[in-house]
Amino acid sequence: MKPAWKLELAEAKVMIDAAIRVSEAEGAKETICVADSGGCAIALARMDGARWTGPELAMAKAFTASGHRRSTHLFNEPGGPAAAGGEAFGIHAMFPGRFAIFVGGFPIVVDGEVVGGIGVSGGTGDQDKAAGLAALNALQDHLGPAYRVLVRLDIRL
């Protein structure tokens, strides 16, 4: 047995608030979902005017990032495992509606352990990435120097 960190609503709110601030600054109307290590949503926010498809997409991105411990855009990039000819080509069919292999999902890694995932949907790929990165930075700021949050776009554990 080993102890495990658990994300709570307070951390999820900090992350969502940061993602919304960046999205507003960029003119994007996003939906943001923070999920726990099992891929279950802790909190979800859909900005005013965001697409009605956003919640399902953001939840799928958070689920995928948490469960597979990698940024979702890495699945489908050239040479990625879910790209045509890759070893995981078609993996999204194993979890219909729950597995996302495109930009906007990031695992939440604290002190080397995946404690959840964040999914961002509604902007361009670059806007989704900026909001996700802002959320990870905000979590690091919130937790302080006693914890190390992995803050980068290309996360692969």
N, C-alpha and C. Protein backbone atom coordinates (compact mmCIF):
# COMPACT_ATOMS: atom_id res chain seq x y z
N MET A 1 0.84 -1.19 0.00
CA MET A 1 0.00 0.00 0.00
C MET A 1 0.87 1.24 0.00
N LYS A 2 0.34 2.29 -0.60
CA LYS A 2 1.03 3.57 -0.54
C LYS A 2 -0.01 4.67 -0.48
N PRO A 3 0.32 5.76 0.17
CA PRO A 3 -0.63 6.88 0.24
C PRO A 3 -0.78 7.52 -1.14
N ALA A 4 -1.92 8.14 -1.37
CA ALA A 4 -2.18 8.78 -2.66
C ALA A 4 -2.80 10.16 -2.45
N TRP A 5 -2.38 11.11 -3.28
CA TRP A 5 -2.98 12.44 -3.26
C TRP A 5 -4.32 12.38 -3.97
N LYS A 6 -5.27 13.14 -3.48
CA LYS A 6 -6.60 13.21 -4.09
C LYS A 6 -6.94 14.66 -4.39
N LEU A 7 -7.32 14.92 -5.62
CA LEU A 7 -7.82 16.25 -5.96
C LEU A 7 -9.16 16.46 -5.28
N GLU A 8 -9.39 17.68 -4.86
CA GLU A 8 -10.68 18.02 -4.26
C GLU A 8 -11.27 19.20 -5.00
N LEU A 9 -12.49 19.54 -4.66
CA LEU A 9 -13.22 20.60 -5.34
C LEU A 9 -12.46 21.93 -5.31
N ALA A 10 -11.81 22.25 -4.20
CA ALA A 10 -11.08 23.51 -4.10
C ALA A 10 -10.01 23.62 -5.18
N GLU A 11 -9.26 22.54 -5.41
CA GLU A 11 -8.23 22.55 -6.44
C GLU A 11 -8.86 22.63 -7.83
N ALA A 12 -9.94 21.90 -8.04
CA ALA A 12 -10.62 21.93 -9.34
C ALA A 12 -11.12 23.33 -9.67
N LYS A 13 -11.66 24.03 -8.68
CA LYS A 13 -12.15 25.39 -8.91
C LYS A 13 -11.01 26.33 -9.28
N VAL A 14 -9.88 26.21 -8.61
CA VAL A 14 -8.72 27.04 -8.92
C VAL A 14 -8.30 26.82 -10.37
N MET A 15 -8.27 25.58 -10.79
CA MET A 15 -7.86 25.25 -12.15
C MET A 15 -8.85 25.79 -13.18
N ILE A 16 -10.13 25.59 -12.92
CA ILE A 16 -11.16 26.06 -13.85
C ILE A 16 -11.14 27.58 -13.94
N ASP A 17 -11.03 28.25 -12.82
CA ASP A 17 -10.99 29.72 -12.83
C ASP A 17 -9.83 30.24 -13.68
N ALA A 18 -8.66 29.61 -13.56
CA ALA A 18 -7.49 30.04 -14.34
C ALA A 18 -7.72 29.78 -15.83
N ALA A 19 -8.29 28.64 -16.16
CA ALA A 19 -8.56 28.32 -17.57
C ALA A 19 -9.57 29.31 -18.15
N ILE A 20 -10.56 29.69 -17.39
CA ILE A 20 -11.55 30.66 -17.86
C ILE A 20 -10.92 32.02 -18.08
N ARG A 21 -10.06 32.46 -17.18
CA ARG A 21 -9.40 33.77 -17.34
C ARG A 21 -8.60 33.83 -18.65
N VAL A 22 -7.85 32.78 -18.92
CA VAL A 22 -7.05 32.75 -20.15
C VAL A 22 -7.97 32.68 -21.37
N SER A 23 -9.01 31.89 -21.29
CA SER A 23 -9.94 31.75 -22.42
C SER A 23 -10.63 33.07 -22.71
N GLU A 24 -11.05 33.78 -21.68
CA GLU A 24 -11.67 35.09 -21.88
C GLU A 24 -10.70 36.05 -22.55
N ALA A 25 -9.46 36.04 -22.09
CA ALA A 25 -8.44 36.93 -22.66
C ALA A 25 -8.19 36.63 -24.15
N GLU A 26 -8.34 35.36 -24.53
CA GLU A 26 -8.11 34.96 -25.91
C GLU A 26 -9.38 34.98 -26.75
N GLY A 27 -10.52 35.29 -26.13
CA GLY A 27 -11.78 35.33 -26.86
C GLY A 27 -12.36 33.96 -27.16
N ALA A 28 -11.95 32.96 -26.43
CA ALA A 28 -12.46 31.60 -26.63
C ALA A 28 -13.60 31.32 -25.66
N LYS A 29 -14.57 30.56 -26.11
CA LYS A 29 -15.70 30.15 -25.27
C LYS A 29 -15.53 28.65 -25.02
N GLU A 30 -15.00 28.35 -23.87
CA GLU A 30 -14.56 26.99 -23.55
C GLU A 30 -15.46 26.30 -22.53
N THR A 31 -15.36 24.99 -22.53
CA THR A 31 -15.87 24.16 -21.44
C THR A 31 -14.66 23.47 -20.84
N ILE A 32 -14.58 23.48 -19.51
CA ILE A 32 -13.44 22.92 -18.80
C ILE A 32 -13.94 21.88 -17.81
N CYS A 33 -13.31 20.71 -17.81
CA CYS A 33 -13.65 19.65 -16.86
C CYS A 33 -12.39 19.22 -16.13
N VAL A 34 -12.48 19.10 -14.82
CA VAL A 34 -11.41 18.53 -14.01
C VAL A 34 -11.94 17.21 -13.46
N ALA A 35 -11.18 16.14 -13.71
CA ALA A 35 -11.56 14.80 -13.28
C ALA A 35 -10.55 14.27 -12.27
N ASP A 36 -10.97 13.30 -11.48
CA ASP A 36 -10.08 12.66 -10.51
C ASP A 36 -9.24 11.58 -11.20
N SER A 37 -8.48 10.85 -10.44
CA SER A 37 -7.58 9.85 -11.02
C SER A 37 -8.32 8.69 -11.67
N GLY A 38 -9.58 8.53 -11.37
CA GLY A 38 -10.40 7.50 -12.01
C GLY A 38 -11.16 8.02 -13.21
N GLY A 39 -10.95 9.28 -13.57
CA GLY A 39 -11.60 9.86 -14.72
C GLY A 39 -12.99 10.39 -14.47
N CYS A 40 -13.42 10.43 -13.20
CA CYS A 40 -14.75 10.94 -12.87
C CYS A 40 -14.68 12.44 -12.63
N ALA A 41 -15.64 13.16 -13.18
CA ALA A 41 -15.64 14.62 -13.09
C ALA A 41 -15.76 15.07 -11.64
N ILE A 42 -14.91 16.02 -11.26
CA ILE A 42 -15.01 16.71 -9.98
C ILE A 42 -15.76 18.02 -10.18
N ALA A 43 -15.43 18.71 -11.27
CA ALA A 43 -16.07 19.99 -11.57
C ALA A 43 -16.04 20.22 -13.07
N LEU A 44 -17.06 20.91 -13.55
CA LEU A 44 -17.17 21.23 -14.96
C LEU A 44 -17.78 22.62 -15.07
N ALA A 45 -17.23 23.44 -15.96
CA ALA A 45 -17.79 24.77 -16.21
C ALA A 45 -17.88 24.99 -17.71
N ARG A 46 -19.05 25.44 -18.16
CA ARG A 46 -19.24 25.80 -19.56
C ARG A 46 -19.44 27.30 -19.62
N MET A 47 -18.51 27.98 -20.26
CA MET A 47 -18.58 29.43 -20.36
C MET A 47 -19.82 29.84 -21.16
N ASP A 48 -20.34 31.01 -20.85
CA ASP A 48 -21.48 31.53 -21.60
C ASP A 48 -21.15 31.56 -23.09
N GLY A 49 -22.04 31.02 -23.88
CA GLY A 49 -21.85 31.01 -25.32
C GLY A 49 -21.04 29.84 -25.85
N ALA A 50 -20.53 28.99 -24.98
CA ALA A 50 -19.76 27.83 -25.42
C ALA A 50 -20.69 26.81 -26.08
N ARG A 51 -20.13 26.01 -26.94
CA ARG A 51 -20.91 24.99 -27.65
C ARG A 51 -21.55 24.00 -26.68
N TRP A 52 -22.71 23.52 -27.03
CA TRP A 52 -23.40 22.56 -26.15
C TRP A 52 -22.73 21.19 -26.18
N THR A 53 -21.86 20.95 -27.15
CA THR A 53 -21.11 19.69 -27.20
C THR A 53 -19.90 19.70 -26.27
N GLY A 54 -19.55 20.88 -25.76
CA GLY A 54 -18.35 21.04 -24.95
C GLY A 54 -18.27 20.15 -23.72
N PRO A 55 -19.34 20.02 -22.94
CA PRO A 55 -19.22 19.20 -21.73
C PRO A 55 -18.80 17.76 -22.00
N GLU A 56 -19.40 17.11 -22.99
CA GLU A 56 -19.03 15.72 -23.29
C GLU A 56 -17.59 15.63 -23.78
N LEU A 57 -17.19 16.59 -24.61
CA LEU A 57 -15.82 16.57 -25.12
C LEU A 57 -14.81 16.84 -24.01
N ALA A 58 -15.08 17.82 -23.17
CA ALA A 58 -14.15 18.14 -22.08
C ALA A 58 -14.03 16.97 -21.10
N MET A 59 -15.16 16.32 -20.80
CA MET A 59 -15.10 15.16 -19.90
C MET A 59 -14.30 14.03 -20.52
N ALA A 60 -14.47 13.79 -21.83
CA ALA A 60 -13.72 12.71 -22.50
C ALA A 60 -12.22 13.02 -22.50
N LYS A 61 -11.86 14.27 -22.70
CA LYS A 61 -10.45 14.64 -22.70
C LYS A 61 -9.84 14.46 -21.31
N ALA A 62 -10.57 14.86 -20.27
CA ALA A 62 -10.07 14.69 -18.90
C ALA A 62 -9.94 13.21 -18.55
N PHE A 63 -10.94 12.40 -18.94
CA PHE A 63 -10.93 10.96 -18.71
C PHE A 63 -9.72 10.31 -19.38
N THR A 64 -9.49 10.64 -20.63
CA THR A 64 -8.40 10.05 -21.40
C THR A 64 -7.04 10.45 -20.82
N ALA A 65 -6.87 11.73 -20.54
CA ALA A 65 -5.59 12.22 -20.01
C ALA A 65 -5.27 11.57 -18.67
N SER A 66 -6.28 11.44 -17.83
CA SER A 66 -6.08 10.84 -16.52
C SER A 66 -5.74 9.35 -16.64
N GLY A 67 -6.54 8.64 -17.42
CA GLY A 67 -6.39 7.20 -17.53
C GLY A 67 -5.15 6.75 -18.27
N HIS A 68 -4.74 7.52 -19.27
CA HIS A 68 -3.60 7.11 -20.07
C HIS A 68 -2.34 7.92 -19.80
N ARG A 69 -2.43 8.81 -18.82
CA ARG A 69 -1.27 9.54 -18.31
C ARG A 69 -0.48 10.24 -19.42
N ARG A 70 -1.22 10.86 -20.34
CA ARG A 70 -0.56 11.62 -21.39
C ARG A 70 -1.49 12.70 -21.91
N SER A 71 -0.89 13.76 -22.45
CA SER A 71 -1.66 14.81 -23.11
C SER A 71 -2.36 14.20 -24.32
N THR A 72 -3.63 14.51 -24.49
CA THR A 72 -4.41 13.83 -25.53
C THR A 72 -3.94 14.13 -26.93
N HIS A 73 -3.36 15.30 -27.18
CA HIS A 73 -2.91 15.60 -28.54
C HIS A 73 -1.75 14.70 -28.98
N LEU A 74 -1.08 14.07 -28.04
CA LEU A 74 0.04 13.19 -28.38
C LEU A 74 -0.42 11.88 -29.02
N PHE A 75 -1.68 11.51 -28.83
CA PHE A 75 -2.19 10.26 -29.41
C PHE A 75 -2.21 10.31 -30.93
N ASN A 76 -2.63 11.45 -31.47
CA ASN A 76 -2.94 11.51 -32.90
C ASN A 76 -1.93 12.33 -33.70
N GLU A 77 -0.85 12.77 -33.07
CA GLU A 77 0.17 13.51 -33.82
C GLU A 77 0.88 12.54 -34.75
N PRO A 78 1.58 13.03 -35.77
CA PRO A 78 2.30 12.12 -36.66
C PRO A 78 3.20 11.18 -35.86
N GLY A 79 3.03 9.90 -36.07
CA GLY A 79 3.78 8.89 -35.34
C GLY A 79 3.21 8.56 -33.98
N GLY A 80 2.13 9.23 -33.59
CA GLY A 80 1.48 8.95 -32.29
C GLY A 80 0.84 7.58 -32.28
N PRO A 81 0.60 7.02 -31.10
CA PRO A 81 0.09 5.65 -31.02
C PRO A 81 -1.31 5.45 -31.60
N ALA A 82 -2.13 6.49 -31.67
CA ALA A 82 -3.49 6.32 -32.21
C ALA A 82 -3.58 6.79 -33.66
N ALA A 83 -2.49 7.29 -34.22
CA ALA A 83 -2.48 7.69 -35.62
C ALA A 83 -2.54 6.44 -36.50
N ALA A 84 -2.97 6.62 -37.73
CA ALA A 84 -3.04 5.48 -38.66
C ALA A 84 -1.71 4.75 -38.68
N GLY A 85 -1.77 3.45 -38.48
CA GLY A 85 -0.57 2.63 -38.44
C GLY A 85 0.08 2.53 -37.07
N GLY A 86 -0.40 3.31 -36.10
CA GLY A 86 0.15 3.27 -34.76
C GLY A 86 -0.32 2.05 -33.99
N GLU A 87 0.40 1.71 -32.93
CA GLU A 87 0.08 0.51 -32.16
C GLU A 87 -1.25 0.59 -31.44
N ALA A 88 -1.78 1.82 -31.26
CA ALA A 88 -3.07 1.97 -30.59
C ALA A 88 -4.13 2.55 -31.54
N PHE A 89 -3.92 2.39 -32.83
CA PHE A 89 -4.90 2.89 -33.80
C PHE A 89 -6.27 2.26 -33.51
N GLY A 90 -7.28 3.09 -33.37
CA GLY A 90 -8.63 2.62 -33.07
C GLY A 90 -8.96 2.53 -31.59
N ILE A 91 -8.02 2.92 -30.72
CA ILE A 91 -8.23 2.80 -29.27
C ILE A 91 -9.48 3.54 -28.80
N HIS A 92 -9.80 4.64 -29.44
CA HIS A 92 -10.98 5.42 -29.05
C HIS A 92 -12.27 4.61 -29.18
N ALA A 93 -12.26 3.57 -30.02
CA ALA A 93 -13.45 2.73 -30.18
C ALA A 93 -13.68 1.82 -28.96
N MET A 94 -12.67 1.64 -28.13
CA MET A 94 -12.80 0.78 -26.95
C MET A 94 -13.62 1.45 -25.85
N PHE A 95 -13.66 2.77 -25.84
CA PHE A 95 -14.42 3.54 -24.86
C PHE A 95 -15.30 4.53 -25.62
N PRO A 96 -16.30 4.06 -26.33
CA PRO A 96 -17.09 4.95 -27.17
C PRO A 96 -17.62 6.17 -26.39
N GLY A 97 -17.31 7.34 -26.92
CA GLY A 97 -17.77 8.57 -26.29
C GLY A 97 -16.99 9.02 -25.08
N ARG A 98 -16.00 8.23 -24.64
CA ARG A 98 -15.25 8.58 -23.43
C ARG A 98 -13.76 8.79 -23.69
N PHE A 99 -13.28 8.42 -24.86
CA PHE A 99 -11.85 8.46 -25.14
C PHE A 99 -11.58 9.48 -26.23
N ALA A 100 -10.75 10.46 -25.95
CA ALA A 100 -10.45 11.54 -26.89
C ALA A 100 -8.99 11.48 -27.33
N ILE A 101 -8.77 11.52 -28.63
CA ILE A 101 -7.40 11.44 -29.14
C ILE A 101 -7.03 12.72 -29.88
N PHE A 102 -7.54 13.85 -29.40
CA PHE A 102 -7.21 15.13 -30.02
C PHE A 102 -6.92 16.15 -28.93
N VAL A 103 -6.53 17.33 -29.32
CA VAL A 103 -6.00 18.35 -28.43
C VAL A 103 -6.98 18.77 -27.32
N GLY A 104 -6.42 19.08 -26.13
CA GLY A 104 -7.22 19.67 -25.06
C GLY A 104 -7.28 18.90 -23.76
N GLY A 105 -6.62 17.75 -23.66
CA GLY A 105 -6.63 16.99 -22.41
C GLY A 105 -5.23 16.86 -21.86
N PHE A 106 -5.11 17.03 -20.54
CA PHE A 106 -3.81 16.96 -19.88
C PHE A 106 -3.92 16.19 -18.56
N PRO A 107 -3.02 15.25 -18.31
CA PRO A 107 -3.02 14.63 -17.00
C PRO A 107 -2.58 15.65 -15.94
N ILE A 108 -3.10 15.51 -14.76
CA ILE A 108 -2.69 16.36 -13.64
C ILE A 108 -1.74 15.51 -12.80
N VAL A 109 -0.47 15.91 -12.80
CA VAL A 109 0.58 15.13 -12.15
C VAL A 109 1.15 15.94 -10.99
N VAL A 110 1.04 15.39 -9.79
CA VAL A 110 1.57 16.04 -8.59
C VAL A 110 2.58 15.09 -7.96
N ASP A 111 3.77 15.59 -7.75
CA ASP A 111 4.86 14.80 -7.16
C ASP A 111 5.03 13.46 -7.87
N GLY A 112 4.93 13.49 -9.19
CA GLY A 112 5.15 12.30 -9.99
C GLY A 112 3.97 11.35 -10.12
N GLU A 113 2.86 11.65 -9.46
CA GLU A 113 1.68 10.78 -9.49
C GLU A 113 0.54 11.45 -10.24
N VAL A 114 -0.14 10.70 -11.11
CA VAL A 114 -1.31 11.23 -11.80
C VAL A 114 -2.47 11.25 -10.80
N VAL A 115 -2.97 12.45 -10.53
CA VAL A 115 -4.07 12.62 -9.58
C VAL A 115 -5.37 12.99 -10.28
N GLY A 116 -5.32 13.13 -11.60
CA GLY A 116 -6.52 13.47 -12.35
C GLY A 116 -6.19 13.91 -13.75
N GLY A 117 -7.18 14.55 -14.37
CA GLY A 117 -7.00 15.07 -15.72
C GLY A 117 -7.83 16.31 -15.89
N ILE A 118 -7.43 17.15 -16.82
CA ILE A 118 -8.22 18.32 -17.18
C ILE A 118 -8.48 18.26 -18.67
N GLY A 119 -9.73 18.55 -19.04
CA GLY A 119 -10.12 18.61 -20.44
C GLY A 119 -10.66 19.98 -20.76
N VAL A 120 -10.23 20.52 -21.89
CA VAL A 120 -10.67 21.85 -22.34
C VAL A 120 -11.17 21.71 -23.77
N SER A 121 -12.37 22.23 -24.03
CA SER A 121 -12.95 22.11 -25.35
C SER A 121 -13.71 23.37 -25.73
N GLY A 122 -13.54 23.80 -26.98
CA GLY A 122 -14.33 24.92 -27.47
C GLY A 122 -13.55 25.95 -28.25
N GLY A 123 -12.26 26.02 -28.03
CA GLY A 123 -11.44 26.99 -28.75
C GLY A 123 -10.67 26.30 -29.86
N THR A 124 -9.70 27.01 -30.39
CA THR A 124 -8.77 26.37 -31.32
C THR A 124 -7.87 25.44 -30.50
N GLY A 125 -7.10 24.62 -31.17
CA GLY A 125 -6.16 23.76 -30.45
C GLY A 125 -5.21 24.56 -29.58
N ASP A 126 -4.71 25.66 -30.11
CA ASP A 126 -3.79 26.49 -29.33
C ASP A 126 -4.49 27.12 -28.13
N GLN A 127 -5.75 27.53 -28.28
CA GLN A 127 -6.50 28.11 -27.16
C GLN A 127 -6.78 27.05 -26.10
N ASP A 128 -7.13 25.85 -26.52
CA ASP A 128 -7.36 24.76 -25.56
C ASP A 128 -6.07 24.46 -24.78
N LYS A 129 -4.95 24.43 -25.48
CA LYS A 129 -3.66 24.18 -24.83
C LYS A 129 -3.32 25.30 -23.84
N ALA A 130 -3.55 26.54 -24.23
CA ALA A 130 -3.22 27.67 -23.35
C ALA A 130 -4.07 27.61 -22.08
N ALA A 131 -5.34 27.28 -22.20
CA ALA A 131 -6.20 27.19 -21.03
C ALA A 131 -5.78 26.03 -20.12
N GLY A 132 -5.43 24.90 -20.71
CA GLY A 132 -4.97 23.76 -19.91
C GLY A 132 -3.68 24.05 -19.17
N LEU A 133 -2.75 24.69 -19.86
CA LEU A 133 -1.47 25.05 -19.24
C LEU A 133 -1.67 26.06 -18.11
N ALA A 134 -2.57 27.02 -18.32
CA ALA A 134 -2.88 27.99 -17.27
C ALA A 134 -3.45 27.30 -16.04
N ALA A 135 -4.29 26.30 -16.26
CA ALA A 135 -4.88 25.56 -15.14
C ALA A 135 -3.81 24.81 -14.35
N LEU A 136 -2.89 24.17 -15.05
CA LEU A 136 -1.80 23.45 -14.35
C LEU A 136 -0.91 24.42 -13.57
N ASN A 137 -0.61 25.56 -14.18
CA ASN A 137 0.17 26.59 -13.47
C ASN A 137 -0.56 27.07 -12.23
N ALA A 138 -1.86 27.27 -12.34
CA ALA A 138 -2.65 27.75 -11.21
C ALA A 138 -2.65 26.73 -10.07
N LEU A 139 -2.70 25.44 -10.42
CA LEU A 139 -2.64 24.42 -9.38
C LEU A 139 -1.30 24.47 -8.66
N GLN A 140 -0.21 24.63 -9.41
CA GLN A 140 1.10 24.75 -8.77
C GLN A 140 1.14 25.95 -7.83
N ASP A 141 0.64 27.09 -8.29
CA ASP A 141 0.61 28.29 -7.45
C ASP A 141 -0.23 28.06 -6.19
N HIS A 142 -1.36 27.39 -6.36
CA HIS A 142 -2.27 27.12 -5.24
C HIS A 142 -1.64 26.19 -4.20
N LEU A 143 -0.97 25.15 -4.68
CA LEU A 143 -0.38 24.17 -3.76
C LEU A 143 0.92 24.68 -3.14
N GLY A 144 1.63 25.54 -3.85
CA GLY A 144 2.86 26.09 -3.31
C GLY A 144 4.06 25.18 -3.50
N PRO A 145 5.20 25.61 -2.98
CA PRO A 145 6.46 24.91 -3.24
C PRO A 145 6.59 23.55 -2.55
N ALA A 146 5.69 23.22 -1.66
CA ALA A 146 5.76 21.91 -1.00
C ALA A 146 5.39 20.78 -1.97
N TYR A 147 4.78 21.12 -3.11
CA TYR A 147 4.36 20.13 -4.12
C TYR A 147 4.96 20.51 -5.46
N ARG A 148 5.11 19.52 -6.31
CA ARG A 148 5.60 19.77 -7.66
C ARG A 148 4.55 19.30 -8.66
N VAL A 149 3.94 20.26 -9.34
CA VAL A 149 2.96 19.97 -10.38
C VAL A 149 3.69 19.99 -11.72
N LEU A 150 3.46 18.98 -12.52
CA LEU A 150 4.07 18.92 -13.85
C LEU A 150 3.31 19.89 -14.76
N VAL A 151 4.01 20.93 -15.19
CA VAL A 151 3.39 21.98 -16.00
C VAL A 151 4.11 22.04 -17.34
N ARG A 152 3.55 21.36 -18.31
CA ARG A 152 4.05 21.42 -19.69
C ARG A 152 2.96 20.88 -20.62
N LEU A 153 3.09 21.18 -21.89
CA LEU A 153 2.07 20.75 -22.85
C LEU A 153 2.16 19.27 -23.17
N ASP A 154 3.35 18.78 -23.38
CA ASP A 154 3.54 17.39 -23.80
C ASP A 154 3.86 16.52 -22.59
N ILE A 155 2.82 16.02 -21.95
CA ILE A 155 3.00 15.17 -20.77
C ILE A 155 2.79 13.73 -21.20
N ARG A 156 3.77 12.91 -20.88
CA ARG A 156 3.70 11.48 -21.22
C ARG A 156 4.42 10.72 -20.11
N LEU A 157 3.68 9.98 -19.31
CA LEU A 157 4.31 9.19 -18.24
C LEU A 157 4.28 7.72 -18.56
